[in-house]
Amino acid sequence: MTIQFIILTTQRTGSTFLTHLLLSHPQIECYSELFQKNLVNRSKRSKVAKHFEIGYEKYRKKSLTRQINHKFFRTKLINRYLTEIYTSSMDVKAIGFKFMYSQDAMLPEVLQWVKNNNVKVIHNIRVNILKTLVSRKTAQTRGIYSSDKNLPIIKITVDINNLKSDLENIEKKVSYYRNWCQNMESIEITYESLISDRENEIARILEFLDVESFYPLNTDIVKMNSDNLEDIIENYEAVCDTLKGTYYEEFLDQ
């Protein structure tokens, strides 16, 4: 029986790195963001490139009937799409895709189907939410969200007026989905543990997916930013002053 799973996550948590690692396992089919709007293939990898041909946006626009169904019977169409995705590769032991918090806000039917069908959940988070915020800003500034080449360090300016509220919003979202996962067969994987202890974390995931763990998993995705926030944040001192005395201050030194 093929194990069904999703990677539930938000932007800049190492989810692309994780997706590509799992995709390198011959017994796993791990799709990217199948529910991303305006899906664009930015990958040169043949196994990844095909994922962009089967995204929901293309699926629903393929015929007039599907376009009508998406407008008036969206839940039914999404359910059929997910059933087709999870039965598309019968020669693998586990099949899944990456699903973002923001996509759930637009298409709540997806997680409802996941819950109804006992799909396993890999909840991928980043403990240091300040670095999540900074990484989002650097990715937007570069226009590059993942890379197989080392990139020059860039400087960004953090909006200190909204900094604490932005961090609170990320924290609330993580907490919400962590609670949601408690009612599911789930495992939590942090960016930090995946980077520092890849072998053991991958072993945990493969055991969770009931997949053999003797295959070496690899990806050419590289880290894009310095670990030192002072190297990246132009107004670093102002950020320190803004976070001083708050719970978030500890993230400056991690």
C-alpha atoms as a PDB file:
ATOM      1  CA  MET A   1       0.000   0.000   0.000  1.00  0.00           C
ATOM      2  CA  THR A   2       1.343   3.438  -0.970  1.00  0.00           C
ATOM      3  CA  ILE A   3       1.762   5.858   1.934  1.00  0.00           C
ATOM      4  CA  GLN A   4       0.131   9.242   1.337  1.00  0.00           C
ATOM      5  CA  PHE A   5       1.690  12.342   2.901  1.00  0.00           C
ATOM      6  CA  ILE A   6       1.953  16.110   2.703  1.00  0.00           C
ATOM      7  CA  ILE A   7       4.655  18.539   3.772  1.00  0.00           C
ATOM      8  CA  LEU A   8       2.731  21.268   5.592  1.00  0.00           C
ATOM      9  CA  THR A   9       4.790  24.421   5.893  1.00  0.00           C
ATOM     10  CA  THR A  10       5.263  28.110   5.193  1.00  0.00           C
ATOM     11  CA  GLN A  11       7.812  30.044   3.159  1.00  0.00           C
ATOM     12  CA  ARG A  12      11.541  29.978   4.050  1.00  0.00           C
ATOM     13  CA  THR A  13      11.577  26.936   6.310  1.00  0.00           C
ATOM     14  CA  GLY A  14      13.859  24.723   4.214  1.00  0.00           C
ATOM     15  CA  SER A  15      10.884  22.998   2.605  1.00  0.00           C
ATOM     16  CA  THR A  16      12.379  23.069  -0.906  1.00  0.00           C
ATOM     17  CA  PHE A  17      15.556  21.503   0.479  1.00  0.00           C
ATOM     18  CA  LEU A  18      13.459  18.812   2.198  1.00  0.00           C
ATOM     19  CA  THR A  19      11.296  18.190  -0.861  1.00  0.00           C
ATOM     20  CA  HIS A  20      14.339  17.631  -3.057  1.00  0.00           C
ATOM     21  CA  LEU A  21      15.957  15.323  -0.524  1.00  0.00           C
ATOM     22  CA  LEU A  22      12.854  13.130  -0.431  1.00  0.00           C
ATOM     23  CA  LEU A  23      12.536  13.255  -4.202  1.00  0.00           C
ATOM     24  CA  SER A  24      16.012  11.737  -4.513  1.00  0.00           C
ATOM     25  CA  HIS A  25      14.735   8.569  -2.822  1.00  0.00           C
ATOM     26  CA  PRO A  26      13.739   6.009  -5.495  1.00  0.00           C
ATOM     27  CA  GLN A  27      10.749   4.838  -3.449  1.00  0.00           C
ATOM     28  CA  ILE A  28       9.287   8.331  -2.895  1.00  0.00           C
ATOM     29  CA  GLU A  29       7.449  10.702  -5.210  1.00  0.00           C
ATOM     30  CA  CYS A  30       7.478  14.134  -3.576  1.00  0.00           C
ATOM     31  CA  TYR A  31       5.814  16.896  -5.559  1.00  0.00           C
ATOM     32  CA  SER A  32       6.379  20.590  -5.060  1.00  0.00           C
ATOM     33  CA  GLU A  33       3.583  23.152  -4.496  1.00  0.00           C
ATOM     34  CA  LEU A  34       0.814  21.636  -6.563  1.00  0.00           C
ATOM     35  CA  PHE A  35      -1.621  24.320  -5.386  1.00  0.00           C
ATOM     36  CA  GLN A  36       0.595  27.316  -6.069  1.00  0.00           C
ATOM     37  CA  LYS A  37      -1.083  30.003  -8.136  1.00  0.00           C
ATOM     38  CA  ASN A  38       0.606  31.048 -11.384  1.00  0.00           C
ATOM     39  CA  LEU A  39       2.850  28.001 -11.186  1.00  0.00           C
ATOM     40  CA  VAL A  40       6.124  28.542 -13.015  1.00  0.00           C
ATOM     41  CA  ASN A  41       8.796  25.920 -13.554  1.00  0.00           C
ATOM     42  CA  ARG A  42      12.069  27.401 -12.306  1.00  0.00           C
ATOM     43  CA  SER A  43      13.867  24.077 -12.090  1.00  0.00           C
ATOM     44  CA  LYS A  44      16.306  22.464 -14.514  1.00  0.00           C
ATOM     45  CA  ARG A  45      15.790  19.098 -12.815  1.00  0.00           C
ATOM     46  CA  SER A  46      13.725  16.771 -14.996  1.00  0.00           C
ATOM     47  CA  LYS A  47      12.068  14.990 -12.053  1.00  0.00           C
ATOM     48  CA  VAL A  48      11.034  18.324 -10.558  1.00  0.00           C
ATOM     49  CA  ALA A  49      10.029  19.922 -13.841  1.00  0.00           C
ATOM     50  CA  LYS A  50       7.230  17.431 -14.456  1.00  0.00           C
ATOM     51  CA  HIS A  51       5.562  18.475 -11.207  1.00  0.00           C
ATOM     52  CA  PHE A  52       4.762  21.835 -12.716  1.00  0.00           C
ATOM     53  CA  GLU A  53       2.802  20.162 -15.489  1.00  0.00           C
ATOM     54  CA  ILE A  54       0.352  18.536 -13.088  1.00  0.00           C
ATOM     55  CA  GLY A  55      -0.394  21.448 -10.729  1.00  0.00           C
ATOM     56  CA  TYR A  56      -3.996  22.159  -9.825  1.00  0.00           C
ATOM     57  CA  GLU A  57      -4.080  25.436 -11.783  1.00  0.00           C
ATOM     58  CA  LYS A  58      -3.336  23.606 -15.034  1.00  0.00           C
ATOM     59  CA  TYR A  59      -5.616  20.745 -14.058  1.00  0.00           C
ATOM     60  CA  ARG A  60      -8.663  22.922 -13.480  1.00  0.00           C
ATOM     61  CA  LYS A  61      -8.108  24.973 -16.632  1.00  0.00           C
ATOM     62  CA  LYS A  62      -7.665  21.968 -18.898  1.00  0.00           C
ATOM     63  CA  SER A  63     -11.315  21.834 -19.953  1.00  0.00           C
ATOM     64  CA  LEU A  64     -14.418  24.014 -19.801  1.00  0.00           C
ATOM     65  CA  THR A  65     -16.121  21.399 -17.631  1.00  0.00           C
ATOM     66  CA  ARG A  66     -13.360  21.605 -15.029  1.00  0.00           C
ATOM     67  CA  GLN A  67     -13.448  25.395 -15.080  1.00  0.00           C
ATOM     68  CA  ILE A  68     -17.179  25.298 -14.360  1.00  0.00           C
ATOM     69  CA  ASN A  69     -16.696  22.664 -11.671  1.00  0.00           C
ATOM     70  CA  HIS A  70     -13.985  24.760 -10.024  1.00  0.00           C
ATOM     71  CA  LYS A  71     -16.374  27.699  -9.832  1.00  0.00           C
ATOM     72  CA  PHE A  72     -19.481  25.878  -8.660  1.00  0.00           C
ATOM     73  CA  PHE A  73     -18.325  22.475  -7.337  1.00  0.00           C
ATOM     74  CA  ARG A  74     -14.772  23.243  -6.199  1.00  0.00           C
ATOM     75  CA  THR A  75     -14.679  20.755  -3.334  1.00  0.00           C
ATOM     76  CA  LYS A  76     -15.685  17.897  -5.586  1.00  0.00           C
ATOM     77  CA  LEU A  77     -13.065  18.830  -8.208  1.00  0.00           C
ATOM     78  CA  ILE A  78     -10.272  19.209  -5.627  1.00  0.00           C
ATOM     79  CA  ASN A  79     -11.177  15.860  -4.086  1.00  0.00           C
ATOM     80  CA  ARG A  80     -11.002  14.190  -7.492  1.00  0.00           C
ATOM     81  CA  TYR A  81      -7.686  15.905  -8.255  1.00  0.00           C
ATOM     82  CA  LEU A  82      -6.132  14.756  -4.982  1.00  0.00           C
ATOM     83  CA  THR A  83      -7.334  11.207  -5.539  1.00  0.00           C
ATOM     84  CA  GLU A  84      -5.699  11.223  -8.966  1.00  0.00           C
ATOM     85  CA  ILE A  85      -2.436  12.675  -7.587  1.00  0.00           C
ATOM     86  CA  TYR A  86      -2.167  10.032  -4.892  1.00  0.00           C
ATOM     87  CA  THR A  87      -2.805   7.195  -7.328  1.00  0.00           C
ATOM     88  CA  SER A  88      -0.573   8.534 -10.119  1.00  0.00           C
ATOM     89  CA  SER A  89       2.582   6.618  -9.159  1.00  0.00           C
ATOM     90  CA  MET A  90       1.800   3.097  -8.056  1.00  0.00           C
ATOM     91  CA  ASP A  91       5.443   1.992  -8.329  1.00  0.00           C
ATOM     92  CA  VAL A  92       6.545   4.025  -5.270  1.00  0.00           C
ATOM     93  CA  LYS A  93       6.068   3.361  -1.568  1.00  0.00           C
ATOM     94  CA  ALA A  94       5.207   6.952  -0.575  1.00  0.00           C
ATOM     95  CA  ILE A  95       3.752   9.882  -2.461  1.00  0.00           C
ATOM     96  CA  GLY A  96       3.133  13.427  -1.310  1.00  0.00           C
ATOM     97  CA  PHE A  97       3.414  17.127  -2.033  1.00  0.00           C
ATOM     98  CA  LYS A  98       4.203  20.440  -0.348  1.00  0.00           C
ATOM     99  CA  PHE A  99       1.292  22.518   0.904  1.00  0.00           C
ATOM    100  CA  MET A 100       1.688  26.029   2.297  1.00  0.00           C
ATOM    101  CA  TYR A 101      -0.235  27.739   5.102  1.00  0.00           C
ATOM    102  CA  SER A 102      -1.179  30.507   2.659  1.00  0.00           C
ATOM    103  CA  GLN A 103      -2.627  27.964   0.234  1.00  0.00           C
ATOM    104  CA  ASP A 104      -4.813  26.544   3.000  1.00  0.00           C
ATOM    105  CA  ALA A 105      -6.317  30.001   3.497  1.00  0.00           C
ATOM    106  CA  MET A 106      -7.415  29.988  -0.161  1.00  0.00           C
ATOM    107  CA  LEU A 107      -8.275  26.301  -0.517  1.00  0.00           C
ATOM    108  CA  PRO A 108      -9.355  24.832   2.852  1.00  0.00           C
ATOM    109  CA  GLU A 109     -10.798  21.823   1.025  1.00  0.00           C
ATOM    110  CA  VAL A 110      -7.290  20.385   0.656  1.00  0.00           C
ATOM    111  CA  LEU A 111      -6.561  19.881   4.359  1.00  0.00           C
ATOM    112  CA  GLN A 112     -10.108  18.682   4.901  1.00  0.00           C
ATOM    113  CA  TRP A 113      -9.483  15.951   2.312  1.00  0.00           C
ATOM    114  CA  VAL A 114      -6.124  15.207   3.950  1.00  0.00           C
ATOM    115  CA  LYS A 115      -7.860  14.804   7.313  1.00  0.00           C
ATOM    116  CA  ASN A 116     -10.707  12.694   5.941  1.00  0.00           C
ATOM    117  CA  ASN A 117      -8.294  10.355   4.173  1.00  0.00           C
ATOM    118  CA  ASN A 118      -5.791   9.899   7.026  1.00  0.00           C
ATOM    119  CA  VAL A 119      -2.896  11.371   5.052  1.00  0.00           C
ATOM    120  CA  LYS A 120       0.356  11.574   7.020  1.00  0.00           C
ATOM    121  CA  VAL A 121       1.638  15.074   7.746  1.00  0.00           C
ATOM    122  CA  ILE A 122       5.251  16.253   7.853  1.00  0.00           C
ATOM    123  CA  HIS A 123       5.011  19.628   9.594  1.00  0.00           C
ATOM    124  CA  ASN A 124       8.089  21.583   8.525  1.00  0.00           C
ATOM    125  CA  ILE A 125       8.810  24.702  10.594  1.00  0.00           C
ATOM    126  CA  ARG A 126      11.661  27.073  11.342  1.00  0.00           C
ATOM    127  CA  VAL A 127      12.217  27.772  15.042  1.00  0.00           C
ATOM    128  CA  ASN A 128      13.965  31.083  14.415  1.00  0.00           C
ATOM    129  CA  ILE A 129      11.047  33.024  12.963  1.00  0.00           C
ATOM    130  CA  LEU A 130      13.151  36.184  12.725  1.00  0.00           C
ATOM    131  CA  LYS A 131      15.334  34.395  10.185  1.00  0.00           C
ATOM    132  CA  THR A 132      12.162  33.246   8.438  1.00  0.00           C
ATOM    133  CA  LEU A 133      11.166  36.885   8.060  1.00  0.00           C
ATOM    134  CA  VAL A 134      14.616  37.989   6.923  1.00  0.00           C
ATOM    135  CA  SER A 135      14.880  35.107   4.456  1.00  0.00           C
ATOM    136  CA  ARG A 136      11.540  36.067   2.905  1.00  0.00           C
ATOM    137  CA  LYS A 137      12.792  39.613   2.418  1.00  0.00           C
ATOM    138  CA  THR A 138      16.100  38.530   0.857  1.00  0.00           C
ATOM    139  CA  ALA A 139      14.334  36.100  -1.479  1.00  0.00           C
ATOM    140  CA  GLN A 140      11.926  38.821  -2.604  1.00  0.00           C
ATOM    141  CA  THR A 141      14.802  41.263  -3.093  1.00  0.00           C
ATOM    142  CA  ARG A 142      16.821  38.793  -5.161  1.00  0.00           C
ATOM    143  CA  GLY A 143      13.825  37.328  -6.961  1.00  0.00           C
ATOM    144  CA  ILE A 144      15.419  33.950  -6.232  1.00  0.00           C
ATOM    145  CA  TYR A 145      13.800  31.482  -3.835  1.00  0.00           C
ATOM    146  CA  SER A 146      16.180  28.535  -4.151  1.00  0.00           C
ATOM    147  CA  SER A 147      19.520  28.040  -5.826  1.00  0.00           C
ATOM    148  CA  ASP A 148      22.111  25.409  -6.648  1.00  0.00           C
ATOM    149  CA  LYS A 149      24.865  28.056  -6.625  1.00  0.00           C
ATOM    150  CA  ASN A 150      26.341  30.130  -3.816  1.00  0.00           C
ATOM    151  CA  LEU A 151      25.021  33.669  -4.005  1.00  0.00           C
ATOM    152  CA  PRO A 152      26.661  36.911  -2.893  1.00  0.00           C
ATOM    153  CA  ILE A 153      25.426  38.303   0.429  1.00  0.00           C
ATOM    154  CA  ILE A 154      22.885  41.087   0.094  1.00  0.00           C
ATOM    155  CA  LYS A 155      21.690  43.644   2.632  1.00  0.00           C
ATOM    156  CA  ILE A 156      18.006  44.240   3.385  1.00  0.00           C
ATOM    157  CA  THR A 157      16.220  46.752   5.571  1.00  0.00           C
ATOM    158  CA  VAL A 158      13.724  45.401   8.094  1.00  0.00           C
ATOM    159  CA  ASP A 159      10.514  47.352   8.723  1.00  0.00           C
ATOM    160  CA  ILE A 160      10.884  47.899  12.473  1.00  0.00           C
ATOM    161  CA  ASN A 161       7.433  49.496  12.771  1.00  0.00           C
ATOM    162  CA  ASN A 162       5.751  46.209  11.912  1.00  0.00           C
ATOM    163  CA  LEU A 163       8.501  43.849  13.036  1.00  0.00           C
ATOM    164  CA  LYS A 164       6.915  42.579  16.255  1.00  0.00           C
ATOM    165  CA  SER A 165       3.475  42.171  14.700  1.00  0.00           C
ATOM    166  CA  ASP A 166       4.975  40.354  11.695  1.00  0.00           C
ATOM    167  CA  LEU A 167       6.777  37.947  14.024  1.00  0.00           C
ATOM    168  CA  GLU A 168       3.611  37.439  16.061  1.00  0.00           C
ATOM    169  CA  ASN A 169       1.680  36.580  12.907  1.00  0.00           C
ATOM    170  CA  ILE A 170       4.218  33.936  11.893  1.00  0.00           C
ATOM    171  CA  GLU A 171       4.226  32.525  15.424  1.00  0.00           C
ATOM    172  CA  LYS A 172       0.419  32.335  15.508  1.00  0.00           C
ATOM    173  CA  LYS A 173       0.300  30.507  12.184  1.00  0.00           C
ATOM    174  CA  VAL A 174       2.879  27.938  13.298  1.00  0.00           C
ATOM    175  CA  SER A 175       0.995  27.413  16.554  1.00  0.00           C
ATOM    176  CA  TYR A 176      -2.324  27.015  14.746  1.00  0.00           C
ATOM    177  CA  TYR A 177      -1.032  24.332  12.380  1.00  0.00           C
ATOM    178  CA  ARG A 178       0.943  22.615  15.122  1.00  0.00           C
ATOM    179  CA  ASN A 179      -2.330  22.225  17.029  1.00  0.00           C
ATOM    180  CA  TRP A 180      -4.067  21.022  13.879  1.00  0.00           C
ATOM    181  CA  CYS A 181      -1.395  18.350  13.435  1.00  0.00           C
ATOM    182  CA  GLN A 182      -2.087  16.953  16.895  1.00  0.00           C
ATOM    183  CA  ASN A 183      -5.216  15.325  15.495  1.00  0.00           C
ATOM    184  CA  MET A 184      -3.276  13.814  12.614  1.00  0.00           C
ATOM    185  CA  GLU A 185      -0.595  11.174  12.199  1.00  0.00           C
ATOM    186  CA  SER A 186       2.211  13.698  12.014  1.00  0.00           C
ATOM    187  CA  ILE A 187       5.863  14.443  12.589  1.00  0.00           C
ATOM    188  CA  GLU A 188       7.474  17.863  13.121  1.00  0.00           C
ATOM    189  CA  ILE A 189      10.744  18.668  11.369  1.00  0.00           C
ATOM    190  CA  THR A 190      12.554  21.922  12.035  1.00  0.00           C
ATOM    191  CA  TYR A 191      14.821  23.742   9.621  1.00  0.00           C
ATOM    192  CA  GLU A 192      17.487  23.895  12.301  1.00  0.00           C
ATOM    193  CA  SER A 193      17.533  20.151  13.001  1.00  0.00           C
ATOM    194  CA  LEU A 194      17.419  19.275   9.312  1.00  0.00           C
ATOM    195  CA  ILE A 195      20.499  21.407   8.630  1.00  0.00           C
ATOM    196  CA  SER A 196      22.487  20.404  11.721  1.00  0.00           C
ATOM    197  CA  ASP A 197      21.511  16.731  11.924  1.00  0.00           C
ATOM    198  CA  ARG A 198      20.366  15.794   8.436  1.00  0.00           C
ATOM    199  CA  GLU A 199      21.090  12.069   8.658  1.00  0.00           C
ATOM    200  CA  ASN A 200      19.050  11.462  11.802  1.00  0.00           C
ATOM    201  CA  GLU A 201      16.206  13.741  10.751  1.00  0.00           C
ATOM    202  CA  ILE A 202      15.886  12.045   7.369  1.00  0.00           C
ATOM    203  CA  ALA A 203      15.944   8.673   9.120  1.00  0.00           C
ATOM    204  CA  ARG A 204      13.020   9.843  11.280  1.00  0.00           C
ATOM    205  CA  ILE A 205      11.058  10.916   8.217  1.00  0.00           C
ATOM    206  CA  LEU A 206      11.710   7.709   6.296  1.00  0.00           C
ATOM    207  CA  GLU A 207      10.644   5.624   9.285  1.00  0.00           C
ATOM    208  CA  PHE A 208       7.505   7.769   9.543  1.00  0.00           C
ATOM    209  CA  LEU A 209       6.785   7.099   5.856  1.00  0.00           C
ATOM    210  CA  ASP A 210       7.603   3.401   6.254  1.00  0.00           C
ATOM    211  CA  VAL A 211      10.252   3.645   3.557  1.00  0.00           C
ATOM    212  CA  GLU A 212      13.649   1.952   3.525  1.00  0.00           C
ATOM    213  CA  SER A 213      16.402   4.200   4.835  1.00  0.00           C
ATOM    214  CA  PHE A 214      19.511   2.796   3.238  1.00  0.00           C
ATOM    215  CA  TYR A 215      19.449   5.112   0.230  1.00  0.00           C
ATOM    216  CA  PRO A 216      21.689   8.211   0.399  1.00  0.00           C
ATOM    217  CA  LEU A 217      19.498  11.265  -0.163  1.00  0.00           C
ATOM    218  CA  ASN A 218      21.013  14.270  -1.895  1.00  0.00           C
ATOM    219  CA  THR A 219      20.133  17.669  -3.284  1.00  0.00           C
ATOM    220  CA  ASP A 220      22.097  20.416  -4.985  1.00  0.00           C
ATOM    221  CA  ILE A 221      20.069  23.113  -3.198  1.00  0.00           C
ATOM    222  CA  VAL A 222      22.454  25.368  -1.259  1.00  0.00           C
ATOM    223  CA  LYS A 223      22.005  27.765   1.640  1.00  0.00           C
ATOM    224  CA  MET A 224      21.446  31.291   0.320  1.00  0.00           C
ATOM    225  CA  ASN A 225      22.067  33.495   3.369  1.00  0.00           C
ATOM    226  CA  SER A 226      24.672  33.961   6.083  1.00  0.00           C
ATOM    227  CA  ASP A 227      23.800  32.601   9.522  1.00  0.00           C
ATOM    228  CA  ASN A 228      24.865  35.947  10.972  1.00  0.00           C
ATOM    229  CA  LEU A 229      21.905  38.341  10.805  1.00  0.00           C
ATOM    230  CA  GLU A 230      24.222  41.326  11.193  1.00  0.00           C
ATOM    231  CA  ASP A 231      25.687  40.439   7.781  1.00  0.00           C
ATOM    232  CA  ILE A 232      22.264  40.731   6.172  1.00  0.00           C
ATOM    233  CA  ILE A 233      20.234  43.367   8.019  1.00  0.00           C
ATOM    234  CA  GLU A 234      21.165  46.934   7.087  1.00  0.00           C
ATOM    235  CA  ASN A 235      19.422  48.428  10.135  1.00  0.00           C
ATOM    236  CA  TYR A 236      20.582  45.710  12.525  1.00  0.00           C
ATOM    237  CA  GLU A 237      21.001  48.013  15.533  1.00  0.00           C
ATOM    238  CA  ALA A 238      17.461  49.329  15.111  1.00  0.00           C
ATOM    239  CA  VAL A 239      16.164  45.753  14.965  1.00  0.00           C
ATOM    240  CA  CYS A 240      18.069  44.928  18.174  1.00  0.00           C
ATOM    241  CA  ASP A 241      16.571  47.971  19.901  1.00  0.00           C
ATOM    242  CA  THR A 242      13.068  47.035  18.725  1.00  0.00           C
ATOM    243  CA  LEU A 243      13.304  43.466  20.000  1.00  0.00           C
ATOM    244  CA  LYS A 244      15.154  44.248  23.232  1.00  0.00           C
ATOM    245  CA  GLY A 245      13.343  42.847  26.253  1.00  0.00           C
ATOM    246  CA  THR A 246      10.941  40.772  24.137  1.00  0.00           C
ATOM    247  CA  TYR A 247      10.722  37.028  23.619  1.00  0.00           C
ATOM    248  CA  TYR A 248      12.030  37.526  20.083  1.00  0.00           C
ATOM    249  CA  GLU A 249      15.351  39.022  21.219  1.00  0.00           C
ATOM    250  CA  GLU A 250      16.859  35.541  21.587  1.00  0.00           C
ATOM    251  CA  PHE A 251      16.533  34.963  17.840  1.00  0.00           C
ATOM    252  CA  LEU A 252      19.203  37.594  17.173  1.00  0.00           C
ATOM    253  CA  ASP A 253      21.899  35.297  18.592  1.00  0.00           C
ATOM    254  CA  GLN A 254      20.781  31.966  17.129  1.00  0.00           C
END
